[in-house]
Amino acid sequence: HPLCCLSLQEVGPTMVGDERSDPSLMSFLGATKRNMLGNHFWEYYVNDAPRVVLNKLESCGYRVVSMTGVGQTLVWCLHKE
C-alpha cells in the first residue's frame, strides 16, 4: 500500500491523496477534497504540517521509505505492510 504526501511549505497545507485515495484514510487524516483551478484532477489536503500528518500515518502502520525535495515542494513516500 504505497502512499505519497507532499507539501509546498514546511508548515502546511499538506496534500495527502488524489481522487482514488482510500476515503476512510482521508477521513482519519481530516482531509478535504478539492479541485484547483486549471487542474483536471482532484486532490485531498489537510492544513496540518507534514510532521503532524506523518505522525498520524505512522499510527496507522505507514513508514517513510524515502523523501526528496522538488523545487519548493517536499515529497514523502510511505509504505504499509
Protein backbone atom coordinates (compact mmCIF):
# COMPACT_ATOMS: atom_id res chain seq x y z
CA HIS A 1 0.00 0.00 0.00
CA PRO A 2 2.25 2.88 -1.12
CA LEU A 3 1.26 6.45 -0.28
CA CYS A 4 2.83 9.79 -1.15
CA CYS A 5 2.43 13.07 0.73
CA LEU A 6 3.71 16.38 -0.44
CA SER A 7 3.87 19.87 0.96
CA LEU A 8 4.66 23.21 -0.62
CA GLN A 9 5.72 24.56 2.76
CA GLU A 10 7.13 23.09 5.94
CA VAL A 11 4.05 24.20 7.89
CA GLY A 12 1.24 23.08 5.56
CA PRO A 13 -1.03 22.62 3.82
CA THR A 14 -0.09 19.04 3.06
CA MET A 15 -1.50 17.18 0.06
CA VAL A 16 -2.26 13.62 1.12
CA GLY A 17 -4.07 11.93 -1.77
CA ASP A 18 -5.88 12.01 -5.08
CA GLU A 19 -9.40 11.12 -6.18
CA ARG A 20 -8.59 7.39 -5.91
CA SER A 21 -7.32 7.54 -2.32
CA ASP A 22 -8.89 5.47 0.45
CA PRO A 23 -11.82 7.58 1.73
CA SER A 24 -11.56 6.15 5.27
CA LEU A 25 -7.86 7.06 5.49
CA MET A 26 -8.58 10.54 4.13
CA SER A 27 -11.31 10.94 6.76
CA PHE A 28 -8.91 9.80 9.51
CA LEU A 29 -6.43 12.46 8.38
CA GLY A 30 -9.19 15.10 8.33
CA ALA A 31 -8.53 15.71 4.63
CA THR A 32 -10.68 17.85 2.36
CA LYS A 33 -11.15 17.04 -1.33
CA ARG A 34 -10.57 19.93 -3.74
CA ASN A 35 -10.04 20.70 -7.40
CA MET A 36 -7.60 23.54 -8.08
CA LEU A 37 -8.49 25.85 -10.96
CA GLY A 38 -6.86 24.58 -14.16
CA ASN A 39 -6.24 21.04 -12.87
CA HIS A 40 -8.13 18.11 -14.37
CA PHE A 41 -7.85 16.07 -11.18
CA TRP A 42 -8.99 16.20 -7.56
CA GLU A 43 -6.69 16.08 -4.55
CA TYR A 44 -7.06 15.68 -0.79
CA TYR A 45 -5.28 18.09 1.51
CA VAL A 46 -5.05 18.96 5.20
CA ASN A 47 -3.97 22.23 6.80
CA ASP A 48 -1.66 20.33 9.18
CA ALA A 49 2.10 20.49 8.93
CA PRO A 50 3.75 17.44 7.35
CA ARG A 51 5.13 16.25 10.71
CA VAL A 52 1.56 16.04 12.09
CA VAL A 53 0.37 14.09 9.03
CA LEU A 54 3.38 11.75 9.16
CA ASN A 55 2.77 11.06 12.87
CA LYS A 56 -0.89 10.19 12.14
CA LEU A 57 0.13 7.89 9.29
CA GLU A 58 2.73 6.19 11.47
CA SER A 59 -0.01 5.39 13.99
CA CYS A 60 -1.81 3.56 11.14
CA GLY A 61 1.25 1.46 10.28
CA TYR A 62 2.76 3.55 7.47
CA ARG A 63 6.53 4.03 7.37
CA VAL A 64 8.55 6.60 5.42
CA VAL A 65 10.67 4.88 2.77
CA SER A 66 12.02 7.97 1.01
CA MET A 67 11.87 11.75 0.97
CA THR A 68 13.01 14.30 -1.59
CA GLY A 69 12.67 17.94 -2.48
CA VAL A 70 11.38 19.07 -5.88
CA GLY A 71 11.78 22.83 -6.15
CA GLN A 72 9.77 24.30 -3.28
CA THR A 73 7.87 21.02 -2.80
CA LEU A 74 8.75 18.28 -0.31
CA VAL A 75 7.64 14.71 -1.11
CA TRP A 76 7.47 11.76 1.28
CA CYS A 77 6.80 8.21 0.07
CA LEU A 78 5.40 5.82 2.64
CA HIS A 79 4.62 2.11 2.70
CA LYS A 80 2.29 -0.02 4.80
CA GLU A 81 2.88 -3.74 5.13
